[in-house]
Amino acid sequence: MVGIRVNIIGAGNVATHLSKALFAAGVEIVSVYSRHFINARALSHQFGARAIDHLADLQDGVDLNIVTIKDDAIESVAKELNKTIPVVHTSGIQPIDVFKGFEAYGVLYPLQTFSKQRALDIAAIPFLIEANSIEFERWIIQFCQDNLSDESIKADSKKRSEIHLAAVFACNFTTQLMAESDKLLKSRTDLDLSILHPLIRETMEKTLELGPHTAMTGPAKRGDCATVEKHLSKLDDTELRSIYEMISKRISEQHGS
């Protein structure tokens, strides 16, 4: 694909990473939209693109509109887009039908966690793809493989939503639990999460290598009720105590302790 021109709708984490990857691959970023003009300008100036804060000002004559905004805003934004221009969103949970009425529409969902502050190898990321027609599906797959990643996987809205649910457990919930660890350390010792970095790295690497069931260790897995009770007695936060109890019970049940 040569001479592809796109508009980027959104200027957050996903938009930042995808725009950089597309630009590096030779795709022309024509317009960058954000409700906050300063955000659109901060991203667009890296590509010589036009920054806009009104959807009516999006450039026509492009090959694709890429919608990278938060999930619950996609439907309202879709109503303001030119329906003759092919469009995709990057959401894991929103169905493809949010674009019903467009001539060509689909989903280009990167299965990864994005932060502006951290570089990523886009080529290593799997992209889940869905389209309203076989022809547009082929186009998106080719677009992805030419400019983003060879890991393009067909997944309808139902399958994608199930994968997204699993990803929240693996990524977001894991991150929140590490945040709770950091809070406990800072409030009760003179240490922070850095002391757990070797443990966290080994846990992640071992889990990926052996699988989560085999990699599991700890008091709940061992059936060490005395240690579990001691930990619970130290937790004044009732919500955190409930989380500890529920997860420990789940581990115990699944490992036969």
Protein backbone atom coordinates (compact mmCIF):
# COMPACT_ATOMS: atom_id res chain seq x y z
CA MET A 1 0.00 0.00 0.00
CA VAL A 2 1.56 3.26 -1.14
CA GLY A 3 0.42 6.80 -0.42
CA ILE A 4 -2.06 5.94 2.34
CA ARG A 5 -3.55 8.99 4.09
CA VAL A 6 -5.34 8.79 7.45
CA ASN A 7 -7.01 10.95 10.06
CA ILE A 8 -6.37 10.14 13.71
CA ILE A 9 -9.36 10.79 15.96
CA GLY A 10 -8.01 11.03 19.48
CA ALA A 11 -4.69 12.13 20.92
CA GLY A 12 -4.22 9.81 23.88
CA ASN A 13 -1.96 6.83 24.53
CA VAL A 14 -3.19 4.60 21.69
CA ALA A 15 -3.29 7.47 19.20
CA THR A 16 0.26 8.46 20.09
CA HIS A 17 1.76 5.02 19.54
CA LEU A 18 -0.23 4.16 16.41
CA SER A 19 0.45 7.54 14.82
CA LYS A 20 4.19 7.22 15.37
CA ALA A 21 4.25 3.71 13.94
CA LEU A 22 2.16 4.65 10.91
CA PHE A 23 4.22 7.76 10.22
CA ALA A 24 7.44 5.75 10.46
CA ALA A 25 5.98 3.30 7.94
CA GLY A 26 5.29 6.10 5.46
CA VAL A 27 1.58 6.65 6.10
CA GLU A 28 0.57 10.31 5.90
CA ILE A 29 -1.16 11.58 9.04
CA VAL A 30 -3.42 14.31 7.66
CA SER A 31 -5.47 15.45 10.67
CA VAL A 32 -5.37 14.80 14.41
CA TYR A 33 -8.55 15.47 16.38
CA SER A 34 -8.97 15.96 20.11
CA ARG A 35 -11.65 17.75 22.13
CA HIS A 36 -8.73 19.60 23.69
CA PHE A 37 -6.89 21.47 20.95
CA ILE A 38 -3.63 21.56 22.91
CA ASN A 39 -3.53 17.75 22.88
CA ALA A 40 -4.25 17.58 19.16
CA ARG A 41 -1.51 20.12 18.49
CA ALA A 42 1.04 18.32 20.69
CA LEU A 43 0.59 15.12 18.70
CA SER A 44 0.00 16.53 15.22
CA HIS A 45 3.12 18.71 15.11
CA GLN A 46 5.27 15.54 15.17
CA PHE A 47 3.91 14.57 11.76
CA GLY A 48 3.20 17.92 10.13
CA ALA A 49 -0.51 17.14 10.43
CA ARG A 50 -3.38 19.54 11.03
CA ALA A 51 -4.60 19.83 14.62
CA ILE A 52 -8.37 20.23 15.06
CA ASP A 53 -10.87 20.23 17.92
CA HIS A 54 -14.05 20.06 15.81
CA LEU A 55 -14.92 16.88 13.92
CA ALA A 56 -16.44 18.92 11.10
CA ASP A 57 -12.91 20.11 10.33
CA LEU A 58 -11.57 16.61 9.67
CA GLN A 59 -9.86 16.37 6.30
CA ASP A 60 -11.86 14.61 3.57
CA GLY A 61 -10.12 12.69 0.81
CA VAL A 62 -8.32 10.32 3.18
CA ASP A 63 -8.20 6.54 2.96
CA LEU A 64 -9.12 5.86 6.58
CA ASN A 65 -10.41 7.46 9.76
CA ILE A 66 -8.90 5.78 12.85
CA VAL A 67 -10.95 6.36 16.02
CA THR A 68 -8.81 5.96 19.15
CA ILE A 69 -10.98 7.68 21.74
CA LYS A 70 -12.44 6.19 24.95
CA ASP A 71 -15.01 3.44 24.49
CA ASP A 72 -18.11 5.31 25.62
CA ALA A 73 -17.48 8.24 23.27
CA ILE A 74 -17.17 6.26 20.03
CA GLU A 75 -20.89 6.13 19.25
CA SER A 76 -21.42 9.88 19.55
CA VAL A 77 -18.31 10.65 17.50
CA ALA A 78 -19.39 8.20 14.81
CA LYS A 79 -22.54 10.23 14.21
CA GLU A 80 -20.43 13.21 13.15
CA LEU A 81 -18.09 11.42 10.76
CA ASN A 82 -18.32 11.30 6.96
CA LYS A 83 -19.94 7.92 6.25
CA THR A 84 -18.28 7.61 2.85
CA ILE A 85 -14.80 7.45 4.39
CA PRO A 86 -13.72 4.01 5.66
CA VAL A 87 -13.44 3.97 9.45
CA VAL A 88 -12.11 1.72 12.21
CA HIS A 89 -12.00 1.99 15.98
CA THR A 90 -9.36 0.56 18.31
CA SER A 91 -11.62 -0.53 21.18
CA GLY A 92 -11.55 -3.99 22.70
CA ILE A 93 -15.14 -3.88 23.92
CA GLN A 94 -17.19 -1.74 21.52
CA PRO A 95 -18.97 -3.76 18.80
CA ILE A 96 -18.41 -3.18 15.13
CA ASP A 97 -22.05 -2.09 14.71
CA VAL A 98 -21.28 1.24 16.36
CA PHE A 99 -20.41 2.29 12.78
CA LYS A 100 -23.51 0.82 11.14
CA GLY A 101 -24.50 2.99 8.20
CA PHE A 102 -20.95 3.64 6.99
CA GLU A 103 -19.91 2.25 3.63
CA ALA A 104 -16.83 0.49 5.00
CA TYR A 105 -16.14 0.03 8.70
CA GLY A 106 -14.36 -2.21 11.11
CA VAL A 107 -12.13 -2.70 14.12
CA LEU A 108 -8.34 -2.54 14.48
CA TYR A 109 -7.77 -3.43 18.14
CA PRO A 110 -4.18 -3.57 19.40
CA LEU A 111 -4.00 -6.10 22.24
CA GLN A 112 -1.55 -4.19 24.41
CA THR A 113 -1.35 -1.65 27.22
CA PHE A 114 -0.21 1.80 26.09
CA SER A 115 1.42 4.71 27.91
CA LYS A 116 2.88 7.74 26.17
CA GLN A 117 5.95 7.60 28.40
CA ARG A 118 6.98 4.08 27.34
CA ALA A 119 8.24 2.95 23.94
CA LEU A 120 6.73 -0.20 22.41
CA ASP A 121 7.57 -2.56 19.59
CA ILE A 122 4.35 -2.19 17.60
CA ALA A 123 5.41 -5.01 15.26
CA ALA A 124 5.21 -7.47 18.18
CA ILE A 125 1.62 -6.55 19.11
CA PRO A 126 -1.31 -8.71 17.96
CA PHE A 127 -4.08 -6.70 16.28
CA LEU A 128 -7.62 -8.10 16.37
CA ILE A 129 -9.44 -7.27 13.16
CA GLU A 130 -13.08 -7.23 12.12
CA ALA A 131 -14.84 -5.62 9.15
CA ASN A 132 -18.28 -5.26 7.63
CA SER A 133 -17.21 -6.90 4.36
CA ILE A 134 -14.66 -9.39 3.11
CA GLU A 135 -13.13 -6.74 0.87
CA PHE A 136 -12.60 -4.25 3.69
CA GLU A 137 -11.36 -7.00 6.01
CA ARG A 138 -8.66 -7.83 3.47
CA TRP A 139 -7.79 -4.14 3.18
CA ILE A 140 -7.43 -3.71 6.96
CA ILE A 141 -5.31 -6.85 7.27
CA GLN A 142 -3.02 -5.64 4.51
CA PHE A 143 -2.89 -2.15 6.03
CA CYS A 144 -1.97 -3.64 9.40
CA GLN A 145 0.68 -5.98 8.01
CA ASP A 146 2.25 -3.27 5.85
CA ASN A 147 2.37 -0.57 8.50
CA LEU A 148 1.91 -1.98 12.00
CA SER A 149 2.25 -5.69 12.71
CA ASP A 150 2.20 -9.09 11.00
CA GLU A 151 0.16 -10.34 13.96
CA SER A 152 -3.28 -9.61 12.52
CA ILE A 153 -5.98 -11.92 13.86
CA LYS A 154 -9.60 -12.07 12.73
CA ALA A 155 -11.95 -11.73 15.71
CA ASP A 156 -15.62 -10.81 15.71
CA SER A 157 -17.10 -8.49 18.32
CA LYS A 158 -18.10 -11.31 20.70
CA LYS A 159 -14.69 -12.98 20.63
CA ARG A 160 -12.90 -9.65 20.96
CA SER A 161 -14.97 -8.67 24.01
CA GLU A 162 -14.08 -11.97 25.70
CA ILE A 163 -10.38 -11.40 24.99
CA HIS A 164 -10.69 -7.87 26.34
CA LEU A 165 -12.23 -9.19 29.56
CA ALA A 166 -9.37 -11.64 30.01
CA ALA A 167 -6.89 -8.84 29.30
CA VAL A 168 -8.35 -6.67 32.06
CA PHE A 169 -7.71 -9.44 34.58
CA ALA A 170 -4.17 -10.04 33.32
CA CYS A 171 -3.17 -6.40 32.93
CA ASN A 172 -5.29 -3.83 34.76
CA PHE A 173 -6.12 -5.90 37.82
CA THR A 174 -2.52 -7.07 38.14
CA THR A 175 -1.35 -3.46 37.97
CA GLN A 176 -3.85 -2.44 40.66
CA LEU A 177 -2.65 -5.23 42.94
CA MET A 178 0.91 -3.98 42.52
CA ALA A 179 -0.33 -0.50 43.40
CA GLU A 180 -1.79 -1.92 46.61
CA SER A 181 1.56 -3.58 47.35
CA ASP A 182 3.30 -0.24 46.86
CA LYS A 183 0.87 1.49 49.24
CA LEU A 184 1.37 -1.16 51.94
CA LEU A 185 5.14 -0.88 51.72
CA LYS A 186 5.17 2.92 51.81
CA SER A 187 2.70 3.16 54.69
CA ARG A 188 4.27 0.49 56.89
CA THR A 189 7.98 0.46 56.02
CA ASP A 190 10.58 2.81 54.60
CA LEU A 191 10.50 0.87 51.32
CA ASP A 192 8.53 0.98 48.08
CA LEU A 193 7.66 -1.36 45.21
CA SER A 194 11.24 -1.42 43.95
CA ILE A 195 12.13 -4.07 46.55
CA LEU A 196 9.61 -6.36 44.86
CA HIS A 197 10.89 -5.79 41.31
CA PRO A 198 12.95 -9.04 41.18
CA LEU A 199 9.96 -10.95 42.57
CA ILE A 200 7.55 -9.37 40.08
CA ARG A 201 9.86 -10.05 37.12
CA GLU A 202 10.35 -13.69 38.09
CA THR A 203 6.61 -14.11 38.69
CA MET A 204 5.75 -12.77 35.24
CA GLU A 205 8.48 -14.71 33.44
CA LYS A 206 7.69 -17.95 35.27
CA THR A 207 3.96 -17.58 34.64
CA LEU A 208 4.50 -17.05 30.92
CA GLU A 209 6.95 -19.98 30.71
CA LEU A 210 5.19 -22.54 32.90
CA GLY A 211 1.59 -21.36 32.80
CA PRO A 212 -0.26 -19.75 35.71
CA HIS A 213 -1.44 -22.98 37.35
CA THR A 214 2.03 -24.50 37.56
CA ALA A 215 3.66 -21.19 38.51
CA MET A 216 1.39 -20.56 41.51
CA THR A 217 3.03 -20.57 44.95
CA GLY A 218 2.26 -18.97 48.32
CA PRO A 219 0.30 -19.59 51.52
CA ALA A 220 -3.14 -20.06 49.95
CA LYS A 221 -1.77 -22.61 47.48
CA ARG A 222 0.02 -24.46 50.30
CA GLY A 223 -3.05 -24.40 52.52
CA ASP A 224 -1.13 -22.39 55.12
CA CYS A 225 -4.18 -21.06 56.98
CA ALA A 226 -2.15 -19.59 59.85
CA THR A 227 -0.21 -17.30 57.51
CA VAL A 228 -3.38 -16.27 55.67
CA GLU A 229 -5.01 -15.35 58.99
CA LYS A 230 -1.96 -13.34 60.10
CA HIS A 231 -2.07 -11.38 56.84
CA LEU A 232 -5.77 -10.73 57.21
CA SER A 233 -5.27 -9.44 60.77
CA LYS A 234 -2.86 -6.83 59.43
CA LEU A 235 -5.32 -5.39 56.92
CA ASP A 236 -7.38 -2.51 58.31
CA ASP A 237 -8.81 -1.65 54.88
CA THR A 238 -11.99 -3.76 54.70
CA GLU A 239 -12.07 -3.74 50.89
CA LEU A 240 -8.47 -4.88 50.65
CA ARG A 241 -9.15 -7.53 53.28
CA SER A 242 -12.08 -8.82 51.20
CA ILE A 243 -9.90 -8.90 48.08
CA TYR A 244 -7.24 -10.92 49.95
CA GLU A 245 -9.88 -13.33 51.24
CA MET A 246 -11.58 -13.81 47.87
CA ILE A 247 -8.38 -14.36 45.92
CA SER A 248 -6.95 -16.68 48.59
CA LYS A 249 -10.17 -18.72 48.53
CA ARG A 250 -10.01 -18.90 44.73
CA ILE A 251 -6.39 -20.08 44.82
CA SER A 252 -7.14 -22.66 47.50
CA GLU A 253 -10.13 -24.06 45.59
CA GLN A 254 -8.30 -24.31 42.29
CA HIS A 255 -5.18 -25.91 43.76
CA GLY A 256 -6.96 -28.42 45.94
CA SER A 257 -5.67 -27.16 49.30
